[in-house]
Amino acid sequence: AWFLDEYSALLRLDDPATDLQLVRRSADELHLTFRQLHEGIPVDPAQLVVHHGGTGLVGLAGAYAPDITLAPTPVVSSGDAEAVALAAYAPASELTGDTQLRYFAPALLGIEDAPVRLAWLVNLANATAPYAVYVDAHSGAVLLALPQHAQEFDFDLQDGQNRTIEAMCTWSNDIGINSDPPDSVDAERFFRQVYNYW
């Protein structure tokens, strides 16, 4: 978006083309949602939304973490981070999706005096809820575990022109993914893993 390039100094963004990644665009293309990247690694839970009014910019919303100086090199391996997360939430938890490296900015969640950390995002599921567990990639400590609410997985299916395919809008109601047969359960798990990956 031209606005981000024009005002990058004010927004404290070195290069909007590499610091931000477009992740969602409204059907009318007036609302653009970006996630923050640093050294190519997503910054959680940073998000910036640019609102256009058709003739010009009308608003900017969100929160992000400028001036990250932490190197993108983990000390703790992804496998060790998974073991830490599983030990903290065992015995009924299992891994879902891929474990991914993130910069985690707890201040964006209202946690005061908490610096940005390099962390592994480990996705777990148990009988009550799926969890996103952030494990410090330097110390191996669990930084935070956030429940992923069911509505986060209530996806819309859209065609190449961003139009909703009404007949398949919510799989749990329209095509019975949450019920038998076993292939439906496997399909739901696969969709969640793909969602957690991206």
Protein backbone atom coordinates (compact mmCIF):
# COMPACT_ATOMS: atom_id res chain seq x y z
CA ALA A 1 0.00 0.00 0.00
CA TRP A 2 1.40 3.39 -1.00
CA PHE A 3 0.61 4.84 2.45
CA LEU A 4 3.00 2.45 4.19
CA ASP A 5 5.84 3.39 1.86
CA GLU A 6 5.08 7.11 2.07
CA TYR A 7 4.98 7.17 5.88
CA SER A 8 7.45 4.39 6.71
CA ALA A 9 9.64 6.71 8.82
CA LEU A 10 6.65 7.87 10.88
CA LEU A 11 5.56 4.25 11.34
CA ARG A 12 9.13 3.25 12.24
CA LEU A 13 9.27 0.65 9.49
CA ASP A 14 12.63 0.20 7.76
CA ASP A 15 11.12 -1.32 4.63
CA PRO A 16 7.34 -1.97 4.51
CA ALA A 17 7.84 -4.39 1.61
CA THR A 18 9.83 -6.75 3.86
CA ASP A 19 8.52 -5.69 7.30
CA LEU A 20 4.86 -6.37 6.45
CA GLN A 21 3.11 -9.21 4.66
CA LEU A 22 -0.40 -8.90 3.24
CA VAL A 23 -2.51 -11.68 4.78
CA ARG A 24 -6.08 -10.58 4.08
CA ARG A 25 -7.94 -8.27 1.75
CA SER A 26 -11.64 -7.41 2.01
CA ALA A 27 -13.88 -8.30 -0.93
CA ASP A 28 -14.12 -4.61 -1.89
CA GLU A 29 -10.31 -4.29 -1.49
CA LEU A 30 -10.73 -1.29 0.82
CA HIS A 31 -9.37 -3.00 3.94
CA LEU A 32 -5.91 -4.57 3.87
CA THR A 33 -4.57 -6.61 6.79
CA PHE A 34 -0.84 -7.11 7.19
CA ARG A 35 1.20 -9.17 9.61
CA GLN A 36 4.61 -8.00 10.75
CA LEU A 37 7.79 -9.81 9.78
CA HIS A 38 11.33 -9.35 11.08
CA GLU A 39 14.17 -11.11 9.26
CA GLY A 40 11.40 -13.01 7.41
CA ILE A 41 9.97 -14.37 10.69
CA PRO A 42 6.40 -13.45 11.71
CA VAL A 43 5.98 -11.27 14.80
CA ASP A 44 3.08 -12.47 16.97
CA PRO A 45 0.51 -11.04 17.59
CA ALA A 46 1.44 -7.98 15.48
CA GLN A 47 -1.10 -6.85 12.91
CA LEU A 48 -1.69 -3.67 10.95
CA VAL A 49 -4.90 -2.86 9.05
CA VAL A 50 -5.09 -0.12 6.44
CA HIS A 51 -8.60 1.22 5.70
CA HIS A 52 -9.35 3.02 2.42
CA GLY A 53 -12.48 5.01 1.76
CA GLY A 54 -12.42 4.64 -2.00
CA THR A 55 -10.87 8.06 -2.59
CA GLY A 56 -8.14 7.92 0.05
CA LEU A 57 -6.93 6.55 3.34
CA VAL A 58 -9.45 6.79 6.20
CA GLY A 59 -7.74 4.87 8.97
CA LEU A 60 -4.96 2.72 10.28
CA ALA A 61 -5.45 0.21 13.10
CA GLY A 62 -3.51 -2.47 14.89
CA ALA A 63 -0.33 -2.88 16.89
CA TYR A 64 3.17 -3.96 15.99
CA ALA A 65 6.67 -4.03 17.47
CA PRO A 66 9.14 -1.70 15.74
CA ASP A 67 12.87 -1.69 16.44
CA ILE A 68 13.38 -5.42 17.00
CA THR A 69 17.10 -6.10 17.39
CA LEU A 70 17.05 -9.75 18.50
CA ALA A 71 18.92 -12.09 16.14
CA PRO A 72 16.83 -14.75 14.37
CA THR A 73 19.01 -17.67 15.51
CA PRO A 74 17.49 -20.09 18.04
CA VAL A 75 19.54 -21.90 20.67
CA VAL A 76 16.78 -24.38 21.55
CA SER A 77 15.76 -26.76 18.74
CA SER A 78 12.17 -27.09 17.57
CA GLY A 79 12.12 -30.68 18.85
CA ASP A 80 13.24 -29.60 22.30
CA ALA A 81 10.58 -26.85 22.30
CA GLU A 82 7.93 -29.43 21.45
CA ALA A 83 9.10 -31.64 24.31
CA VAL A 84 8.89 -28.68 26.73
CA ALA A 85 5.36 -27.79 25.55
CA LEU A 86 4.18 -31.39 25.75
CA ALA A 87 5.67 -31.79 29.23
CA ALA A 88 3.89 -28.64 30.40
CA TYR A 89 0.51 -29.74 29.03
CA ALA A 90 0.75 -33.54 29.16
CA PRO A 91 -0.49 -36.19 29.31
CA ALA A 92 -3.52 -35.64 27.09
CA SER A 93 -1.97 -33.20 24.59
CA GLU A 94 -0.68 -33.95 21.11
CA LEU A 95 1.15 -31.91 18.50
CA THR A 96 -0.93 -30.41 15.69
CA GLY A 97 0.63 -28.66 12.72
CA ASP A 98 4.24 -27.65 12.36
CA THR A 99 6.28 -25.95 15.05
CA GLN A 100 7.42 -22.58 13.73
CA LEU A 101 9.86 -19.88 14.72
CA ARG A 102 8.29 -16.56 15.74
CA TYR A 103 9.17 -13.29 17.34
CA PHE A 104 6.76 -13.02 20.26
CA ALA A 105 5.84 -9.53 21.49
CA PRO A 106 3.95 -9.96 24.80
CA ALA A 107 3.55 -6.19 25.19
CA LEU A 108 1.06 -6.32 22.31
CA LEU A 109 -1.13 -8.49 24.56
CA GLY A 110 -0.92 -5.97 27.39
CA ILE A 111 1.83 -7.76 29.30
CA GLU A 112 3.95 -4.95 30.72
CA ASP A 113 7.74 -4.89 30.84
CA ALA A 114 8.00 -7.96 28.63
CA PRO A 115 10.53 -7.63 25.81
CA VAL A 116 10.21 -9.23 22.38
CA ARG A 117 11.51 -12.80 22.43
CA LEU A 118 12.50 -15.26 19.76
CA ALA A 119 10.19 -18.22 20.38
CA TRP A 120 8.97 -21.47 18.98
CA LEU A 121 5.21 -21.57 18.36
CA VAL A 122 4.10 -25.10 19.28
CA ASN A 123 0.50 -26.02 18.46
CA LEU A 124 -1.05 -28.55 20.81
CA ALA A 125 -4.50 -30.07 21.11
CA ASN A 126 -6.16 -31.88 23.98
CA ALA A 127 -9.70 -32.93 24.87
CA THR A 128 -10.74 -29.42 25.95
CA ALA A 129 -9.09 -27.05 23.45
CA PRO A 130 -6.19 -26.51 21.09
CA TYR A 131 -3.38 -24.32 22.44
CA ALA A 132 -0.68 -22.15 20.91
CA VAL A 133 2.33 -22.49 23.21
CA TYR A 134 5.25 -20.05 22.89
CA VAL A 135 8.55 -21.55 24.04
CA ASP A 136 11.56 -19.23 24.37
CA ALA A 137 14.04 -20.20 21.64
CA HIS A 138 16.98 -19.19 23.85
CA SER A 139 16.06 -20.41 27.34
CA GLY A 140 13.49 -23.14 26.61
CA ALA A 141 10.99 -21.62 29.06
CA VAL A 142 7.28 -21.54 28.29
CA LEU A 143 6.47 -17.87 27.70
CA LEU A 144 2.71 -18.16 27.22
CA ALA A 145 0.01 -20.62 26.22
CA LEU A 146 -3.04 -19.25 24.46
CA PRO A 147 -6.22 -21.25 23.85
CA GLN A 148 -7.30 -21.26 20.22
CA HIS A 149 -11.05 -20.84 20.23
CA ALA A 150 -13.16 -23.01 17.97
CA GLN A 151 -14.31 -20.02 15.93
CA GLU A 152 -10.73 -19.49 14.77
CA PHE A 153 -11.23 -22.62 12.71
CA ASP A 154 -14.62 -21.60 11.26
CA PHE A 155 -13.22 -20.84 7.82
CA ASP A 156 -14.78 -19.40 4.70
CA LEU A 157 -14.04 -21.11 1.40
CA GLN A 158 -13.65 -18.63 -1.43
CA ASP A 159 -12.99 -18.79 -5.13
CA GLY A 160 -10.14 -17.03 -6.96
CA GLN A 161 -12.11 -13.76 -7.03
CA ASN A 162 -12.57 -13.71 -3.25
CA ARG A 163 -16.26 -14.70 -3.44
CA THR A 164 -17.61 -16.95 -0.69
CA ILE A 165 -18.79 -20.37 -1.75
CA GLU A 166 -21.99 -20.42 0.29
CA ALA A 167 -22.57 -24.16 0.14
CA MET A 168 -19.26 -24.86 1.90
CA CYS A 169 -18.95 -21.82 4.17
CA THR A 170 -18.65 -23.71 7.46
CA TRP A 171 -17.60 -27.32 7.26
CA SER A 172 -18.85 -28.31 10.67
CA ASN A 173 -22.45 -27.53 9.71
CA ASP A 174 -22.61 -27.84 5.94
CA ILE A 175 -20.54 -30.88 5.12
CA GLY A 176 -20.35 -32.71 8.46
CA ILE A 177 -16.61 -32.64 9.10
CA ASN A 178 -17.11 -32.97 12.86
CA SER A 179 -19.13 -36.17 12.58
CA ASP A 180 -18.45 -39.68 11.28
CA PRO A 181 -16.99 -41.15 9.06
CA PRO A 182 -13.32 -41.15 10.10
CA ASP A 183 -12.31 -39.43 6.84
CA SER A 184 -14.20 -36.35 8.02
CA VAL A 185 -12.25 -36.25 11.27
CA ASP A 186 -8.98 -36.65 9.33
CA ALA A 187 -10.00 -33.82 7.00
CA GLU A 188 -10.72 -31.51 9.94
CA ARG A 189 -7.32 -32.29 11.47
CA PHE A 190 -5.62 -31.61 8.13
CA PHE A 191 -7.40 -28.23 7.75
CA ARG A 192 -6.30 -27.24 11.26
CA GLN A 193 -2.69 -28.23 10.55
CA VAL A 194 -2.64 -26.18 7.35
CA TYR A 195 -4.21 -23.21 9.16
CA ASN A 196 -1.70 -23.43 12.02
CA TYR A 197 1.16 -23.63 9.50
CA TRP A 198 0.15 -20.42 7.69
